[in-house]
Amino acid sequence: MIIQQLLNGLIVGGVYALFAIGFTLVFGIHQVLNLAHGAVFMTGAFIALYSVLGGWPLWAGFLLAMLGSGLLSVLIEFGAFRKLRKSGPLELEFGAIITSIGAGLAIMAVAQKVSNTQIMRFPFETMPVVIFEFFGLRVSALQLVMAACAAILVVGLTAYLYRTAFGRQVRAVAGNERAATLVGVNPNFVYFQTFFMSGALAGAAGVLVGLAFNSIHFVMGEPYLLRGFVVVILGGLGSIPGALLAGLLLGMMQTLTVAFLPSGLTDTIIFSLLFLILLFRPHGLLGKPEAGAMRGR
């Protein structure tokens, strides 16, 4: 029973990690919190839903959700963050919080209007209900798809950041934007990349969550924004490996507490453990005192 719940937690944690990696990617490069990230997550779920309802296959809806969410995230960068970079660090941090909250509220208002404030669901036949058994463990086809998508996207992002020239530019800007500019790196192109990747990961996570619970509504991103923030803090600010590890741990903690303890205690236990961990690791599991710049090694 415990092993089964740990397996379920790993799969859920993989989705948390997708969401949180996008969140921490923006923070690691820009030093700001994008509080519209939950709305981008929700948008991905809606794009996939309406694609399926329009007759598109699920895989096409998934790709469209990633593309649409990535472009929406880039639009948020242009509208809410770009002009703020010309101001001082304090104005940037505070202004980014305000403008990203406003952008998120505007996106949710559009989704509320489109959905008429109703809970939307994928058609029943979108994902066949198939159960596999491995060594006494039960795994559904949907869980396998969720795990595969999360693993492919995380591996792909890692390869992009650490095995390509564009990824080296991203890491250069994260380390020192002025020095990177002097050697020919265009920071605006790096900002475009990071926001697009962040939004695409959030959109993918939104589709997977929408499929897992078959419940899509205009405020579905807000609880995940809070959990994503917990993951980012727990893993270490700006640390992508830390966000991955913390996302998996959070998923396992959640499934274990739901399975063996009263459901009302889930958030209490999660935040209590977060408090205890930060007492001994103030910079997070894989964070460092100079938290901020994106780290992956």
Protein backbone atom coordinates (compact mmCIF):
# COMPACT_ATOMS: atom_id res chain seq x y z
CA MET A 1 0.00 0.00 0.00
CA ILE A 2 2.78 2.43 0.90
CA ILE A 3 4.74 1.60 -2.26
CA GLN A 4 1.62 2.16 -4.35
CA GLN A 5 1.08 5.56 -2.78
CA LEU A 6 4.74 6.47 -3.27
CA LEU A 7 4.39 5.59 -6.95
CA ASN A 8 1.26 7.74 -7.21
CA GLY A 9 3.11 10.53 -5.42
CA LEU A 10 6.03 10.39 -7.86
CA ILE A 11 3.65 10.82 -10.78
CA VAL A 12 1.83 13.73 -9.13
CA GLY A 13 5.16 15.20 -8.10
CA GLY A 14 6.37 15.11 -11.70
CA VAL A 15 3.51 17.41 -12.66
CA TYR A 16 4.29 19.71 -9.72
CA ALA A 17 7.88 19.76 -10.90
CA LEU A 18 6.86 20.82 -14.43
CA PHE A 19 4.92 23.74 -13.02
CA ALA A 20 7.61 24.73 -10.51
CA ILE A 21 10.53 24.44 -12.95
CA GLY A 22 8.86 26.99 -15.20
CA PHE A 23 8.29 29.20 -12.17
CA THR A 24 11.90 28.95 -10.97
CA LEU A 25 13.29 29.36 -14.50
CA VAL A 26 11.82 32.87 -14.68
CA PHE A 27 12.98 33.71 -11.17
CA GLY A 28 16.49 32.44 -11.86
CA ILE A 29 16.89 34.66 -14.92
CA HIS A 30 14.80 37.73 -14.07
CA GLN A 31 14.91 37.81 -10.26
CA VAL A 32 11.15 38.35 -10.17
CA LEU A 33 8.13 36.25 -9.27
CA ASN A 34 5.67 35.74 -12.11
CA LEU A 35 2.39 35.49 -10.21
CA ALA A 36 0.48 35.08 -13.49
CA HIS A 37 2.03 31.61 -13.82
CA GLY A 38 -1.09 29.94 -12.41
CA ALA A 39 -3.26 31.66 -15.02
CA VAL A 40 -0.93 30.42 -17.78
CA PHE A 41 -1.26 26.90 -16.32
CA MET A 42 -5.05 27.22 -16.48
CA THR A 43 -4.91 28.54 -20.05
CA GLY A 44 -3.05 25.45 -21.21
CA ALA A 45 -5.82 23.22 -19.85
CA PHE A 46 -8.50 25.28 -21.62
CA ILE A 47 -6.62 25.27 -24.94
CA ALA A 48 -6.30 21.48 -24.87
CA LEU A 49 -9.94 21.07 -23.85
CA TYR A 50 -11.34 23.23 -26.63
CA SER A 51 -8.97 21.60 -29.13
CA VAL A 52 -10.35 18.16 -28.22
CA LEU A 53 -13.93 19.45 -28.27
CA GLY A 54 -13.20 20.86 -31.74
CA GLY A 55 -12.26 17.43 -33.03
CA TRP A 56 -8.48 17.54 -32.64
CA PRO A 57 -6.66 14.52 -31.17
CA LEU A 58 -5.39 14.84 -27.62
CA TRP A 59 -1.72 14.91 -28.63
CA ALA A 60 -2.39 17.85 -30.95
CA GLY A 61 -4.29 19.64 -28.18
CA PHE A 62 -1.36 19.04 -25.84
CA LEU A 63 1.10 20.60 -28.29
CA LEU A 64 -1.24 23.53 -28.99
CA ALA A 65 -1.59 24.07 -25.24
CA MET A 66 2.18 24.26 -24.84
CA LEU A 67 2.50 26.63 -27.79
CA GLY A 68 -0.39 28.86 -26.72
CA SER A 69 0.71 28.99 -23.08
CA GLY A 70 4.28 29.76 -24.12
CA LEU A 71 3.15 32.64 -26.33
CA LEU A 72 0.85 33.94 -23.59
CA SER A 73 3.78 33.91 -21.16
CA VAL A 74 5.86 35.88 -23.70
CA LEU A 75 3.00 38.39 -23.98
CA ILE A 76 3.04 38.78 -20.19
CA GLU A 77 6.79 39.40 -20.36
CA PHE A 78 6.29 42.17 -22.93
CA GLY A 79 3.37 43.77 -21.12
CA ALA A 80 4.23 43.30 -17.46
CA PHE A 81 8.00 42.99 -17.11
CA ARG A 82 9.99 44.48 -19.97
CA LYS A 83 9.49 48.17 -19.19
CA LEU A 84 10.08 47.56 -15.48
CA ARG A 85 13.66 46.43 -16.15
CA LYS A 86 14.62 50.03 -16.83
CA SER A 87 13.83 50.91 -13.21
CA GLY A 88 15.80 50.03 -10.08
CA PRO A 89 15.86 46.57 -8.46
CA LEU A 90 13.33 47.49 -5.75
CA GLU A 91 10.90 48.97 -8.27
CA LEU A 92 11.35 45.93 -10.51
CA GLU A 93 10.59 43.42 -7.77
CA PHE A 94 7.56 45.25 -6.39
CA GLY A 95 6.27 46.33 -9.79
CA ALA A 96 6.60 42.80 -11.20
CA ILE A 97 4.45 41.40 -8.40
CA ILE A 98 1.71 43.98 -9.00
CA THR A 99 1.71 43.75 -12.79
CA SER A 100 1.84 39.95 -12.86
CA ILE A 101 -1.08 39.75 -10.42
CA GLY A 102 -3.00 42.11 -12.71
CA ALA A 103 -2.12 40.04 -15.78
CA GLY A 104 -3.24 36.87 -14.04
CA LEU A 105 -6.55 38.40 -13.01
CA ALA A 106 -7.17 39.62 -16.57
CA ILE A 107 -6.50 36.14 -18.00
CA MET A 108 -8.78 34.51 -15.43
CA ALA A 109 -11.54 37.03 -16.23
CA VAL A 110 -11.37 36.04 -19.90
CA ALA A 111 -11.47 32.33 -18.99
CA GLN A 112 -14.41 32.95 -16.66
CA LYS A 113 -16.30 34.65 -19.48
CA VAL A 114 -15.46 31.94 -22.01
CA SER A 115 -16.44 29.08 -19.68
CA ASN A 116 -19.44 30.92 -18.20
CA THR A 117 -17.99 30.15 -14.75
CA GLN A 118 -18.67 26.45 -15.24
CA ILE A 119 -16.45 23.46 -14.53
CA MET A 120 -15.45 22.02 -17.90
CA ARG A 121 -14.56 18.38 -18.57
CA PHE A 122 -12.84 16.41 -21.28
CA PRO A 123 -15.10 13.96 -23.17
CA PHE A 124 -15.10 10.55 -21.51
CA GLU A 125 -13.39 8.83 -24.44
CA THR A 126 -10.49 11.32 -24.54
CA MET A 127 -8.25 9.06 -22.45
CA PRO A 128 -9.18 5.35 -22.27
CA VAL A 129 -9.39 3.92 -18.77
CA VAL A 130 -6.80 1.14 -18.88
CA ILE A 131 -5.13 -0.33 -15.81
CA PHE A 132 -1.80 -2.16 -15.88
CA GLU A 133 -0.32 -4.23 -13.07
CA PHE A 134 3.42 -4.42 -12.45
CA PHE A 135 4.74 -6.45 -9.51
CA GLY A 136 1.49 -5.93 -7.65
CA LEU A 137 1.34 -2.20 -8.39
CA ARG A 138 -1.59 -0.75 -10.33
CA VAL A 139 -0.82 1.98 -12.85
CA SER A 140 -3.31 3.54 -15.25
CA ALA A 141 -2.54 4.47 -18.85
CA LEU A 142 -3.11 8.11 -17.89
CA GLN A 143 -0.51 7.89 -15.12
CA LEU A 144 2.00 6.42 -17.56
CA VAL A 145 1.30 9.24 -20.01
CA MET A 146 1.70 11.83 -17.24
CA ALA A 147 5.00 10.33 -16.09
CA ALA A 148 6.33 10.04 -19.65
CA CYS A 149 5.38 13.63 -20.55
CA ALA A 150 6.94 15.02 -17.37
CA ALA A 151 10.15 13.03 -17.86
CA ILE A 152 10.50 13.96 -21.55
CA LEU A 153 9.93 17.66 -20.90
CA VAL A 154 12.35 17.83 -17.96
CA VAL A 155 15.06 15.93 -19.86
CA GLY A 156 14.46 18.10 -22.93
CA LEU A 157 14.74 21.32 -20.93
CA THR A 158 17.94 20.11 -19.24
CA ALA A 159 19.48 19.17 -22.59
CA TYR A 160 18.49 22.55 -24.03
CA LEU A 161 20.02 24.51 -21.16
CA TYR A 162 23.26 22.54 -20.87
CA ARG A 163 23.89 21.09 -24.32
CA THR A 164 23.05 23.93 -26.74
CA ALA A 165 24.46 27.34 -27.60
CA PHE A 166 21.13 28.99 -26.79
CA GLY A 167 21.16 27.34 -23.38
CA ARG A 168 24.64 28.72 -22.71
CA GLN A 169 23.32 32.18 -23.51
CA VAL A 170 20.51 31.71 -21.00
CA ARG A 171 22.97 30.67 -18.29
CA ALA A 172 25.29 33.53 -19.18
CA VAL A 173 22.53 36.11 -18.72
CA ALA A 174 21.51 34.43 -15.47
CA GLY A 175 25.06 34.72 -14.17
CA ASN A 176 25.84 38.28 -15.28
CA GLU A 177 23.64 40.10 -17.77
CA ARG A 178 26.08 42.95 -18.41
CA ALA A 179 29.02 40.62 -19.07
CA ALA A 180 26.86 38.47 -21.34
CA THR A 181 25.83 41.56 -23.31
CA LEU A 182 29.48 42.55 -23.79
CA VAL A 183 30.24 39.22 -25.46
CA GLY A 184 27.34 39.54 -27.89
CA VAL A 185 24.39 37.90 -26.11
CA ASN A 186 21.02 39.57 -26.69
CA PRO A 187 19.26 39.63 -23.29
CA ASN A 188 15.85 40.31 -24.84
CA PHE A 189 16.08 37.09 -26.85
CA VAL A 190 17.01 35.22 -23.67
CA TYR A 191 14.00 36.72 -21.90
CA PHE A 192 11.80 35.58 -24.79
CA GLN A 193 13.19 32.05 -24.53
CA THR A 194 12.81 31.71 -20.79
CA PHE A 195 9.27 33.04 -20.65
CA PHE A 196 8.23 30.86 -23.59
CA MET A 197 9.71 27.73 -21.98
CA SER A 198 8.22 28.64 -18.61
CA GLY A 199 4.75 29.10 -20.12
CA ALA A 200 5.00 25.94 -22.22
CA LEU A 201 5.87 23.86 -19.13
CA ALA A 202 2.99 25.43 -17.18
CA GLY A 203 0.59 24.73 -20.06
CA ALA A 204 1.72 21.10 -20.23
CA ALA A 205 1.20 20.72 -16.48
CA GLY A 206 -2.28 22.26 -16.81
CA VAL A 207 -3.30 19.73 -19.45
CA LEU A 208 -2.03 16.80 -17.36
CA VAL A 209 -3.84 18.03 -14.25
CA GLY A 210 -7.00 18.64 -16.27
CA LEU A 211 -6.86 15.06 -17.57
CA ALA A 212 -6.03 13.58 -14.15
CA PHE A 213 -8.99 15.18 -12.38
CA ASN A 214 -11.15 15.85 -15.47
CA SER A 215 -12.02 19.21 -13.99
CA ILE A 216 -11.07 22.48 -15.68
CA HIS A 217 -12.15 25.86 -14.36
CA PHE A 218 -10.91 29.41 -14.44
CA VAL A 219 -9.37 29.42 -10.93
CA MET A 220 -7.71 25.98 -11.15
CA GLY A 221 -4.25 27.52 -11.34
CA GLU A 222 -4.32 29.35 -8.00
CA PRO A 223 -3.79 26.32 -5.68
CA TYR A 224 -0.96 25.18 -7.93
CA LEU A 225 0.60 28.63 -7.84
CA LEU A 226 0.79 28.34 -4.04
CA ARG A 227 2.21 24.80 -4.23
CA GLY A 228 4.62 25.88 -6.95
CA PHE A 229 5.86 28.65 -4.68
CA VAL A 230 6.37 26.09 -1.90
CA VAL A 231 8.35 23.88 -4.29
CA VAL A 232 10.55 26.77 -5.42
CA ILE A 233 11.35 27.78 -1.83
CA LEU A 234 11.88 24.19 -0.70
CA GLY A 235 14.13 23.32 -3.64
CA GLY A 236 16.15 26.52 -3.44
CA LEU A 237 15.53 29.81 -5.22
CA GLY A 238 16.69 29.59 -8.83
CA SER A 239 17.70 25.91 -8.63
CA ILE A 240 16.12 23.79 -11.38
CA PRO A 241 17.32 20.45 -9.90
CA GLY A 242 16.02 21.67 -6.55
CA ALA A 243 12.60 22.40 -8.04
CA LEU A 244 12.52 18.90 -9.57
CA LEU A 245 13.48 17.23 -6.29
CA ALA A 246 11.10 19.34 -4.20
CA GLY A 247 8.23 18.74 -6.64
CA LEU A 248 8.66 14.97 -6.35
CA LEU A 249 8.88 15.18 -2.56
CA LEU A 250 5.78 17.36 -2.36
CA GLY A 251 3.82 14.93 -4.53
CA MET A 252 4.80 11.99 -2.35
CA MET A 253 4.02 13.86 0.87
CA GLN A 254 0.61 14.83 -0.44
CA THR A 255 -0.41 11.33 -1.54
CA LEU A 256 0.82 9.75 1.69
CA THR A 257 -1.00 12.23 3.92
CA VAL A 258 -4.22 11.91 1.90
CA ALA A 259 -4.02 8.10 2.01
CA PHE A 260 -3.20 7.62 5.68
CA LEU A 261 -4.33 10.78 7.48
CA PRO A 262 -7.45 12.97 7.52
CA SER A 263 -7.54 15.03 4.32
CA GLY A 264 -7.84 18.28 6.24
CA LEU A 265 -4.33 17.79 7.65
CA THR A 266 -2.61 17.63 4.24
CA ASP A 267 -1.70 21.30 3.90
CA THR A 268 -0.89 21.59 7.60
CA ILE A 269 1.63 18.75 7.39
CA ILE A 270 3.15 20.00 4.14
CA PHE A 271 3.73 23.51 5.44
CA SER A 272 4.97 22.24 8.80
CA LEU A 273 7.56 20.06 7.05
CA LEU A 274 8.52 23.03 4.87
CA PHE A 275 9.08 25.09 8.02
CA LEU A 276 11.21 22.36 9.63
CA ILE A 277 13.33 21.83 6.52
CA LEU A 278 13.99 25.54 6.14
CA LEU A 279 15.08 25.73 9.78
CA PHE A 280 18.01 23.44 8.92
CA ARG A 281 18.37 24.40 5.24
CA PRO A 282 17.44 28.12 5.01
CA HIS A 283 18.40 28.23 1.34
CA GLY A 284 16.39 25.15 0.39
CA LEU A 285 17.38 21.59 -0.37
CA LEU A 286 19.73 22.44 -3.24
CA GLY A 287 19.94 26.20 -2.81
CA LYS A 288 23.01 28.26 -1.99
CA PRO A 289 23.49 31.48 -0.01
CA GLU A 290 23.79 33.48 -3.24
CA ALA A 291 20.27 32.39 -4.24
CA GLY A 292 18.86 34.05 -7.31
CA ALA A 293 20.86 33.18 -10.38
CA MET A 294 19.78 30.01 -12.11
CA ARG A 295 21.88 27.04 -11.06
CA GLY A 296 21.85 23.55 -12.38
CA ARG A 297 25.18 21.99 -11.42
